[in-house]
Amino acid sequence: MDTVSVNQFRDKLKTFVEQVVTNHTPLKVTRRAGEAFVIMSADDWEREQETLYVLQNSSLMKQIADSLATHNSKTGYTPTSEELNEITGI
């Protein structure tokens, strides 16, 4: 993560905001007293919140772990050709 001072951020606000939104890379802004804050796009923030929700939900994490286990052991559900065609739109 790139880091800039609050003065640099203020002077080039438009450039930094465009960089954060376009490249989907957060930017750490430091203040003279040592505190810092992070700038990130709203899309990235929402994606992070969704990820945190899944990681904190033990039921969802169990489903993911169970699915991974059946996938690795090749004992999971295998869709038919028709189902695959429906899924892929072919």
PDB file of N, CA and C in Angstrom:
ATOM      1  N   MET A   1       0.851  -1.167   0.000  1.00  0.00           N
ATOM      2  CA  MET A   1       0.000   0.000   0.000  1.00  0.00           C
ATOM      3  C   MET A   1       0.900   1.234   0.000  1.00  0.00           C
ATOM      4  N   ASP A   2       0.616   2.127  -0.922  1.00  0.00           N
ATOM      5  CA  ASP A   2       1.365   3.383  -0.970  1.00  0.00           C
ATOM      6  C   ASP A   2       0.965   4.274   0.203  1.00  0.00           C
ATOM      7  N   THR A   3       1.899   5.115   0.616  1.00  0.00           N
ATOM      8  CA  THR A   3       1.669   6.035   1.719  1.00  0.00           C
ATOM      9  C   THR A   3       2.049   7.442   1.290  1.00  0.00           C
ATOM     10  N   VAL A   4       1.197   8.409   1.625  1.00  0.00           N
ATOM     11  CA  VAL A   4       1.486   9.815   1.342  1.00  0.00           C
ATOM     12  C   VAL A   4       1.144  10.634   2.582  1.00  0.00           C
ATOM     13  N   SER A   5       1.717  11.813   2.654  1.00  0.00           N
ATOM     14  CA  SER A   5       1.383  12.713   3.759  1.00  0.00           C
ATOM     15  C   SER A   5       0.037  13.374   3.466  1.00  0.00           C
ATOM     16  N   VAL A   6      -0.593  13.862   4.515  1.00  0.00           N
ATOM     17  CA  VAL A   6      -1.879  14.527   4.344  1.00  0.00           C
ATOM     18  C   VAL A   6      -1.717  15.774   3.463  1.00  0.00           C
ATOM     19  N   ASN A   7      -0.570  16.435   3.533  1.00  0.00           N
ATOM     20  CA  ASN A   7      -0.338  17.605   2.688  1.00  0.00           C
ATOM     21  C   ASN A   7      -0.254  17.209   1.216  1.00  0.00           C
ATOM     22  N   GLN A   8       0.468  16.119   0.915  1.00  0.00           N
ATOM     23  CA  GLN A   8       0.537  15.632  -0.463  1.00  0.00           C
ATOM     24  C   GLN A   8      -0.860  15.223  -0.944  1.00  0.00           C
ATOM     25  N   PHE A   9      -1.601  14.547  -0.079  1.00  0.00           N
ATOM     26  CA  PHE A   9      -2.947  14.105  -0.435  1.00  0.00           C
ATOM     27  C   PHE A   9      -3.838  15.302  -0.755  1.00  0.00           C
ATOM     28  N   ARG A  10      -3.782  16.326   0.080  1.00  0.00           N
ATOM     29  CA  ARG A  10      -4.601  17.519  -0.131  1.00  0.00           C
ATOM     30  C   ARG A  10      -4.222  18.217  -1.435  1.00  0.00           C
ATOM     31  N   ASP A  11      -2.909  18.320  -1.706  1.00  0.00           N
ATOM     32  CA  ASP A  11      -2.445  19.014  -2.906  1.00  0.00           C
ATOM     33  C   ASP A  11      -2.813  18.287  -4.200  1.00  0.00           C
ATOM     34  N   LYS A  12      -2.873  16.964  -4.146  1.00  0.00           N
ATOM     35  CA  LYS A  12      -3.149  16.175  -5.351  1.00  0.00           C
ATOM     36  C   LYS A  12      -4.379  15.289  -5.155  1.00  0.00           C
ATOM     37  N   LEU A  13      -5.376  15.819  -4.490  1.00  0.00           N
ATOM     38  CA  LEU A  13      -6.561  15.052  -4.130  1.00  0.00           C
ATOM     39  C   LEU A  13      -7.182  14.335  -5.330  1.00  0.00           C
ATOM     40  N   LYS A  14      -7.450  15.066  -6.398  1.00  0.00           N
ATOM     41  CA  LYS A  14      -8.107  14.483  -7.564  1.00  0.00           C
ATOM     42  C   LYS A  14      -7.282  13.332  -8.143  1.00  0.00           C
ATOM     43  N   THR A  15      -5.974  13.510  -8.237  1.00  0.00           N
ATOM     44  CA  THR A  15      -5.090  12.475  -8.791  1.00  0.00           C
ATOM     45  C   THR A  15      -5.109  11.228  -7.920  1.00  0.00           C
ATOM     46  N   PHE A  16      -4.996  11.398  -6.612  1.00  0.00           N
ATOM     47  CA  PHE A  16      -4.979  10.247  -5.707  1.00  0.00           C
ATOM     48  C   PHE A  16      -6.319   9.519  -5.700  1.00  0.00           C
ATOM     49  N   VAL A  17      -7.415  10.253  -5.709  1.00  0.00           N
ATOM     50  CA  VAL A  17      -8.733   9.618  -5.727  1.00  0.00           C
ATOM     51  C   VAL A  17      -8.906   8.824  -7.018  1.00  0.00           C
ATOM     52  N   GLU A  18      -8.528   9.393  -8.131  1.00  0.00           N
ATOM     53  CA  GLU A  18      -8.621   8.693  -9.414  1.00  0.00           C
ATOM     54  C   GLU A  18      -7.773   7.419  -9.401  1.00  0.00           C
ATOM     55  N   GLN A  19      -6.592   7.493  -8.828  1.00  0.00           N
ATOM     56  CA  GLN A  19      -5.692   6.330  -8.731  1.00  0.00           C
ATOM     57  C   GLN A  19      -6.318   5.227  -7.875  1.00  0.00           C
ATOM     58  N   VAL A  20      -6.886   5.597  -6.745  1.00  0.00           N
ATOM     59  CA  VAL A  20      -7.494   4.619  -5.835  1.00  0.00           C
ATOM     60  C   VAL A  20      -8.684   3.932  -6.499  1.00  0.00           C
ATOM     61  N   VAL A  21      -9.533   4.713  -7.164  1.00  0.00           N
ATOM     62  CA  VAL A  21     -10.734   4.158  -7.783  1.00  0.00           C
ATOM     63  C   VAL A  21     -10.382   3.314  -9.010  1.00  0.00           C
ATOM     64  N   THR A  22      -9.474   3.790  -9.837  1.00  0.00           N
ATOM     65  CA  THR A  22      -9.133   3.097 -11.078  1.00  0.00           C
ATOM     66  C   THR A  22      -8.330   1.827 -10.830  1.00  0.00           C
ATOM     67  N   ASN A  23      -7.328   1.901  -9.966  1.00  0.00           N
ATOM     68  CA  ASN A  23      -6.418   0.769  -9.747  1.00  0.00           C
ATOM     69  C   ASN A  23      -6.872  -0.166  -8.627  1.00  0.00           C
ATOM     70  N   HIS A  24      -7.918   0.207  -7.926  1.00  0.00           N
ATOM     71  CA  HIS A  24      -8.402  -0.593  -6.790  1.00  0.00           C
ATOM     72  C   HIS A  24      -7.285  -0.879  -5.791  1.00  0.00           C
ATOM     73  N   THR A  25      -6.498   0.153  -5.523  1.00  0.00           N
ATOM     74  CA  THR A  25      -5.428   0.038  -4.528  1.00  0.00           C
ATOM     75  C   THR A  25      -5.669   1.089  -3.442  1.00  0.00           C
ATOM     76  N   PRO A  26      -5.747   0.665  -2.196  1.00  0.00           N
ATOM     77  CA  PRO A  26      -5.950   1.636  -1.122  1.00  0.00           C
ATOM     78  C   PRO A  26      -4.723   2.529  -0.952  1.00  0.00           C
ATOM     79  N   LEU A  27      -4.928   3.670  -0.352  1.00  0.00           N
ATOM     80  CA  LEU A  27      -3.854   4.634  -0.126  1.00  0.00           C
ATOM     81  C   LEU A  27      -3.854   5.021   1.344  1.00  0.00           C
ATOM     82  N   LYS A  28      -2.699   4.901   1.985  1.00  0.00           N
ATOM     83  CA  LYS A  28      -2.551   5.288   3.388  1.00  0.00           C
ATOM     84  C   LYS A  28      -2.098   6.741   3.442  1.00  0.00           C
ATOM     85  N   VAL A  29      -2.830   7.550   4.199  1.00  0.00           N
ATOM     86  CA  VAL A  29      -2.512   8.971   4.343  1.00  0.00           C
ATOM     87  C   VAL A  29      -2.109   9.207   5.796  1.00  0.00           C
ATOM     88  N   THR A  30      -0.903   9.751   5.986  1.00  0.00           N
ATOM     89  CA  THR A  30      -0.390   9.969   7.337  1.00  0.00           C
ATOM     90  C   THR A  30      -0.455  11.444   7.704  1.00  0.00           C
ATOM     91  N   ARG A  31      -0.724  11.683   8.964  1.00  0.00           N
ATOM     92  CA  ARG A  31      -0.748  13.042   9.484  1.00  0.00           C
ATOM     93  C   ARG A  31       0.543  13.294  10.244  1.00  0.00           C
ATOM     94  N   ARG A  32       0.856  14.543  10.439  1.00  0.00           N
ATOM     95  CA  ARG A  32       2.095  14.929  11.091  1.00  0.00           C
ATOM     96  C   ARG A  32       2.218  14.357  12.501  1.00  0.00           C
ATOM     97  N   ALA A  33       1.086  14.262  13.209  1.00  0.00           N
ATOM     98  CA  ALA A  33       1.100  13.752  14.581  1.00  0.00           C
ATOM     99  C   ALA A  33       1.231  12.233  14.634  1.00  0.00           C
ATOM    100  N   GLY A  34       1.243  11.592  13.479  1.00  0.00           N
ATOM    101  CA  GLY A  34       1.437  10.152  13.448  1.00  0.00           C
ATOM    102  C   GLY A  34       0.199   9.333  13.128  1.00  0.00           C
ATOM    103  N   GLU A  35      -0.985   9.929  13.304  1.00  0.00           N
ATOM    104  CA  GLU A  35      -2.187   9.181  12.962  1.00  0.00           C
ATOM    105  C   GLU A  35      -2.244   8.978  11.450  1.00  0.00           C
ATOM    106  N   ALA A  36      -2.954   7.961  11.042  1.00  0.00           N
ATOM    107  CA  ALA A  36      -3.090   7.681   9.615  1.00  0.00           C
ATOM    108  C   ALA A  36      -4.513   7.241   9.320  1.00  0.00           C
ATOM    109  N   PHE A  37      -4.907   7.373   8.065  1.00  0.00           N
ATOM    110  CA  PHE A  37      -6.191   6.855   7.608  1.00  0.00           C
ATOM    111  C   PHE A  37      -6.000   6.297   6.211  1.00  0.00           C
ATOM    112  N   VAL A  38      -6.959   5.493   5.789  1.00  0.00           N
ATOM    113  CA  VAL A  38      -6.853   4.811   4.504  1.00  0.00           C
ATOM    114  C   VAL A  38      -7.986   5.260   3.600  1.00  0.00           C
ATOM    115  N   ILE A  39      -7.643   5.504   2.354  1.00  0.00           N
ATOM    116  CA  ILE A  39      -8.618   5.861   1.326  1.00  0.00           C
ATOM    117  C   ILE A  39      -8.772   4.654   0.411  1.00  0.00           C
ATOM    118  N   MET A  40     -10.030   4.259   0.172  1.00  0.00           N
ATOM    119  CA  MET A  40     -10.278   3.163  -0.764  1.00  0.00           C
ATOM    120  C   MET A  40     -11.602   3.422  -1.471  1.00  0.00           C
ATOM    121  N   SER A  41     -11.797   2.782  -2.620  1.00  0.00           N
ATOM    122  CA  SER A  41     -13.031   2.989  -3.374  1.00  0.00           C
ATOM    123  C   SER A  41     -14.206   2.349  -2.643  1.00  0.00           C
ATOM    124  N   ALA A  42     -15.391   2.840  -2.904  1.00  0.00           N
ATOM    125  CA  ALA A  42     -16.593   2.303  -2.288  1.00  0.00           C
ATOM    126  C   ALA A  42     -16.795   0.844  -2.695  1.00  0.00           C
ATOM    127  N   ASP A  43     -16.522   0.506  -3.955  1.00  0.00           N
ATOM    128  CA  ASP A  43     -16.650  -0.886  -4.411  1.00  0.00           C
ATOM    129  C   ASP A  43     -15.726  -1.805  -3.615  1.00  0.00           C
ATOM    130  N   ASP A  44     -14.488  -1.362  -3.422  1.00  0.00           N
ATOM    131  CA  ASP A  44     -13.531  -2.161  -2.661  1.00  0.00           C
ATOM    132  C   ASP A  44     -13.967  -2.299  -1.206  1.00  0.00           C
ATOM    133  N   TRP A  45     -14.505  -1.227  -0.637  1.00  0.00           N
ATOM    134  CA  TRP A  45     -14.988  -1.260   0.745  1.00  0.00           C
ATOM    135  C   TRP A  45     -16.117  -2.284   0.889  1.00  0.00           C
ATOM    136  N   GLU A  46     -17.073  -2.260  -0.044  1.00  0.00           N
ATOM    137  CA  GLU A  46     -18.188  -3.202   0.009  1.00  0.00           C
ATOM    138  C   GLU A  46     -17.701  -4.637  -0.144  1.00  0.00           C
ATOM    139  N   ARG A  47     -16.741  -4.868  -1.026  1.00  0.00           N
ATOM    140  CA  ARG A  47     -16.185  -6.210  -1.206  1.00  0.00           C
ATOM    141  C   ARG A  47     -15.505  -6.679   0.075  1.00  0.00           C
ATOM    142  N   GLU A  48     -14.770  -5.801   0.727  1.00  0.00           N
ATOM    143  CA  GLU A  48     -14.110  -6.141   1.996  1.00  0.00           C
ATOM    144  C   GLU A  48     -15.140  -6.478   3.071  1.00  0.00           C
ATOM    145  N   GLN A  49     -16.226  -5.720   3.126  1.00  0.00           N
ATOM    146  CA  GLN A  49     -17.265  -5.969   4.117  1.00  0.00           C
ATOM    147  C   GLN A  49     -17.936  -7.322   3.877  1.00  0.00           C
ATOM    148  N   GLU A  50     -18.182  -7.662   2.607  1.00  0.00           N
ATOM    149  CA  GLU A  50     -18.767  -8.961   2.285  1.00  0.00           C
ATOM    150  C   GLU A  50     -17.827 -10.090   2.689  1.00  0.00           C
ATOM    151  N   THR A  51     -16.543  -9.914   2.432  1.00  0.00           N
ATOM    152  CA  THR A  51     -15.557 -10.930   2.807  1.00  0.00           C
ATOM    153  C   THR A  51     -15.530 -11.116   4.320  1.00  0.00           C
ATOM    154  N   LEU A  52     -15.529 -10.024   5.052  1.00  0.00           N
ATOM    155  CA  LEU A  52     -15.541 -10.112   6.514  1.00  0.00           C
ATOM    156  C   LEU A  52     -16.790 -10.808   7.021  1.00  0.00           C
ATOM    157  N   TYR A  53     -17.926 -10.544   6.390  1.00  0.00           N
ATOM    158  CA  TYR A  53     -19.173 -11.195   6.790  1.00  0.00           C
ATOM    159  C   TYR A  53     -19.057 -12.706   6.630  1.00  0.00           C
ATOM    160  N   VAL A  54     -18.552 -13.147   5.482  1.00  0.00           N
ATOM    161  CA  VAL A  54     -18.410 -14.586   5.231  1.00  0.00           C
ATOM    162  C   VAL A  54     -17.435 -15.192   6.229  1.00  0.00           C
ATOM    163  N   LEU A  55     -16.300 -14.547   6.442  1.00  0.00           N
ATOM    164  CA  LEU A  55     -15.289 -15.087   7.355  1.00  0.00           C
ATOM    165  C   LEU A  55     -15.783 -15.171   8.791  1.00  0.00           C
ATOM    166  N   GLN A  56     -16.672 -14.285   9.183  1.00  0.00           N
ATOM    167  CA  GLN A  56     -17.187 -14.280  10.554  1.00  0.00           C
ATOM    168  C   GLN A  56     -18.404 -15.185  10.731  1.00  0.00           C
ATOM    169  N   ASN A  57     -18.947 -15.690   9.624  1.00  0.00           N
ATOM    170  CA  ASN A  57     -20.133 -16.528   9.689  1.00  0.00           C
ATOM    171  C   ASN A  57     -19.705 -17.996   9.711  1.00  0.00           C
ATOM    172  N   SER A  58     -19.783 -18.624  10.872  1.00  0.00           N
ATOM    173  CA  SER A  58     -19.281 -19.991  11.021  1.00  0.00           C
ATOM    174  C   SER A  58     -20.049 -20.984  10.148  1.00  0.00           C
ATOM    175  N   SER A  59     -21.322 -20.759   9.933  1.00  0.00           N
ATOM    176  CA  SER A  59     -22.115 -21.645   9.089  1.00  0.00           C
ATOM    177  C   SER A  59     -21.627 -21.603   7.637  1.00  0.00           C
ATOM    178  N   LEU A  60     -21.400 -20.405   7.124  1.00  0.00           N
ATOM    179  CA  LEU A  60     -20.891 -20.280   5.753  1.00  0.00           C
ATOM    180  C   LEU A  60     -19.491 -20.870   5.623  1.00  0.00           C
ATOM    181  N   MET A  61     -18.648 -20.642   6.614  1.00  0.00           N
ATOM    182  CA  MET A  61     -17.287 -21.188   6.562  1.00  0.00           C
ATOM    183  C   MET A  61     -17.317 -22.711   6.596  1.00  0.00           C
ATOM    184  N   LYS A  62     -18.247 -23.302   7.348  1.00  0.00           N
ATOM    185  CA  LYS A  62     -18.377 -24.760   7.376  1.00  0.00           C
ATOM    186  C   LYS A  62     -18.821 -25.275   6.009  1.00  0.00           C
ATOM    187  N   GLN A  63     -19.767 -24.583   5.381  1.00  0.00           N
ATOM    188  CA  GLN A  63     -20.217 -24.983   4.046  1.00  0.00           C
ATOM    189  C   GLN A  63     -19.067 -24.937   3.047  1.00  0.00           C
ATOM    190  N   ILE A  64     -18.243 -23.902   3.131  1.00  0.00           N
ATOM    191  CA  ILE A  64     -17.098 -23.771   2.229  1.00  0.00           C
ATOM    192  C   ILE A  64     -16.096 -24.889   2.488  1.00  0.00           C
ATOM    193  N   ALA A  65     -15.812 -25.167   3.746  1.00  0.00           N
ATOM    194  CA  ALA A  65     -14.865 -26.237   4.098  1.00  0.00           C
ATOM    195  C   ALA A  65     -15.383 -27.592   3.635  1.00  0.00           C
ATOM    196  N   ASP A  66     -16.683 -27.858   3.845  1.00  0.00           N
ATOM    197  CA  ASP A  66     -17.274 -29.124   3.403  1.00  0.00           C
ATOM    198  C   ASP A  66     -17.213 -29.253   1.886  1.00  0.00           C
ATOM    199  N   SER A  67     -17.502 -28.172   1.205  1.00  0.00           N
ATOM    200  CA  SER A  67     -17.460 -28.181  -0.260  1.00  0.00           C
ATOM    201  C   SER A  67     -16.045 -28.429  -0.764  1.00  0.00           C
ATOM    202  N   LEU A  68     -15.073 -27.809  -0.132  1.00  0.00           N
ATOM    203  CA  LEU A  68     -13.676 -28.017  -0.519  1.00  0.00           C
ATOM    204  C   LEU A  68     -13.261 -29.466  -0.283  1.00  0.00           C
ATOM    205  N   ALA A  69     -13.698 -30.040   0.825  1.00  0.00           N
ATOM    206  CA  ALA A  69     -13.352 -31.431   1.145  1.00  0.00           C
ATOM    207  C   ALA A  69     -13.938 -32.387   0.116  1.00  0.00           C
ATOM    208  N   THR A  70     -15.211 -32.195  -0.255  1.00  0.00           N
ATOM    209  CA  THR A  70     -15.811 -33.085  -1.258  1.00  0.00           C
ATOM    210  C   THR A  70     -15.189 -32.870  -2.627  1.00  0.00           C
ATOM    211  N   HIS A  71     -14.821 -31.635  -2.923  1.00  0.00           N
ATOM    212  CA  HIS A  71     -14.153 -31.360  -4.203  1.00  0.00           C
ATOM    213  C   HIS A  71     -12.795 -32.066  -4.261  1.00  0.00           C
ATOM    214  N   ASN A  72     -12.010 -31.922  -3.206  1.00  0.00           N
ATOM    215  CA  ASN A  72     -10.678 -32.533  -3.176  1.00  0.00           C
ATOM    216  C   ASN A  72     -10.731 -34.060  -3.221  1.00  0.00           C
ATOM    217  N   SER A  73     -11.768 -34.638  -2.619  1.00  0.00           N
ATOM    218  CA  SER A  73     -11.887 -36.094  -2.626  1.00  0.00           C
ATOM    219  C   SER A  73     -12.688 -36.597  -3.825  1.00  0.00           C
ATOM    220  N   LYS A  74     -13.118 -35.667  -4.671  1.00  0.00           N
ATOM    221  CA  LYS A  74     -13.901 -35.978  -5.872  1.00  0.00           C
ATOM    222  C   LYS A  74     -15.172 -36.769  -5.542  1.00  0.00           C
ATOM    223  N   THR A  75     -15.799 -36.426  -4.393  1.00  0.00           N
ATOM    224  CA  THR A  75     -17.032 -37.086  -3.989  1.00  0.00           C
ATOM    225  C   THR A  75     -18.213 -36.124  -4.014  1.00  0.00           C
ATOM    226  N   GLY A  76     -18.006 -34.935  -4.515  1.00  0.00           N
ATOM    227  CA  GLY A  76     -19.067 -33.937  -4.552  1.00  0.00           C
ATOM    228  C   GLY A  76     -20.024 -34.174  -5.700  1.00  0.00           C
ATOM    229  N   TYR A  77     -21.008 -33.320  -5.806  1.00  0.00           N
ATOM    230  CA  TYR A  77     -22.033 -33.424  -6.841  1.00  0.00           C
ATOM    231  C   TYR A  77     -21.414 -33.106  -8.199  1.00  0.00           C
ATOM    232  N   THR A  78     -21.761 -33.914  -9.199  1.00  0.00           N
ATOM    233  CA  THR A  78     -21.311 -33.671 -10.570  1.00  0.00           C
ATOM    234  C   THR A  78     -22.535 -33.377 -11.423  1.00  0.00           C
ATOM    235  N   PRO A  79     -22.632 -32.172 -11.969  1.00  0.00           N
ATOM    236  CA  PRO A  79     -23.805 -31.837 -12.779  1.00  0.00           C
ATOM    237  C   PRO A  79     -23.815 -32.618 -14.090  1.00  0.00           C
ATOM    238  N   THR A  80     -25.019 -32.800 -14.616  1.00  0.00           N
ATOM    239  CA  THR A  80     -25.164 -33.467 -15.902  1.00  0.00           C
ATOM    240  C   THR A  80     -24.755 -32.508 -17.018  1.00  0.00           C
ATOM    241  N   SER A  81     -24.636 -33.040 -18.225  1.00  0.00           N
ATOM    242  CA  SER A  81     -24.293 -32.195 -19.380  1.00  0.00           C
ATOM    243  C   SER A  81     -25.335 -31.108 -19.584  1.00  0.00           C
ATOM    244  N   GLU A  82     -26.606 -31.456 -19.407  1.00  0.00           N
ATOM    245  CA  GLU A  82     -27.681 -30.485 -19.576  1.00  0.00           C
ATOM    246  C   GLU A  82     -27.574 -29.367 -18.526  1.00  0.00           C
ATOM    247  N   GLU A  83     -27.269 -29.751 -17.301  1.00  0.00           N
ATOM    248  CA  GLU A  83     -27.119 -28.742 -16.245  1.00  0.00           C
ATOM    249  C   GLU A  83     -25.924 -27.835 -16.530  1.00  0.00           C
ATOM    250  N   LEU A  84     -24.833 -28.417 -16.994  1.00  0.00           N
ATOM    251  CA  LEU A  84     -23.667 -27.596 -17.348  1.00  0.00           C
ATOM    252  C   LEU A  84     -24.002 -26.640 -18.467  1.00  0.00           C
ATOM    253  N   ASN A  85     -24.735 -27.102 -19.472  1.00  0.00           N
ATOM    254  CA  ASN A  85     -25.127 -26.242 -20.583  1.00  0.00           C
ATOM    255  C   ASN A  85     -26.010 -25.102 -20.093  1.00  0.00           C
ATOM    256  N   GLU A  86     -26.917 -25.390 -19.153  1.00  0.00           N
ATOM    257  CA  GLU A  86     -27.773 -24.356 -18.601  1.00  0.00           C
ATOM    258  C   GLU A  86     -26.967 -23.325 -17.809  1.00  0.00           C
ATOM    259  N   ILE A  87     -26.004 -23.823 -17.039  1.00  0.00           N
ATOM    260  CA  ILE A  87     -25.157 -22.937 -16.243  1.00  0.00           C
ATOM    261  C   ILE A  87     -24.316 -22.036 -17.126  1.00  0.00           C
ATOM    262  N   THR A  88     -23.722 -22.598 -18.156  1.00  0.00           N
ATOM    263  CA  THR A  88     -22.816 -21.839 -19.023  1.00  0.00           C
ATOM    264  C   THR A  88     -23.550 -21.096 -20.137  1.00  0.00           C
ATOM    265  N   GLY A  89     -24.822 -21.394 -20.318  1.00  0.00           N
ATOM    266  CA  GLY A  89     -25.595 -20.700 -21.346  1.00  0.00           C
ATOM    267  C   GLY A  89     -25.373 -21.247 -22.744  1.00  0.00           C
ATOM    268  N   ILE A  90     -24.866 -22.449 -22.848  1.00  0.00           N
ATOM    269  CA  ILE A  90     -24.600 -23.050 -24.172  1.00  0.00           C
ATOM    270  C   ILE A  90     -25.824 -23.795 -24.651  1.00  0.00           C
TER     271      ILE A  90
END
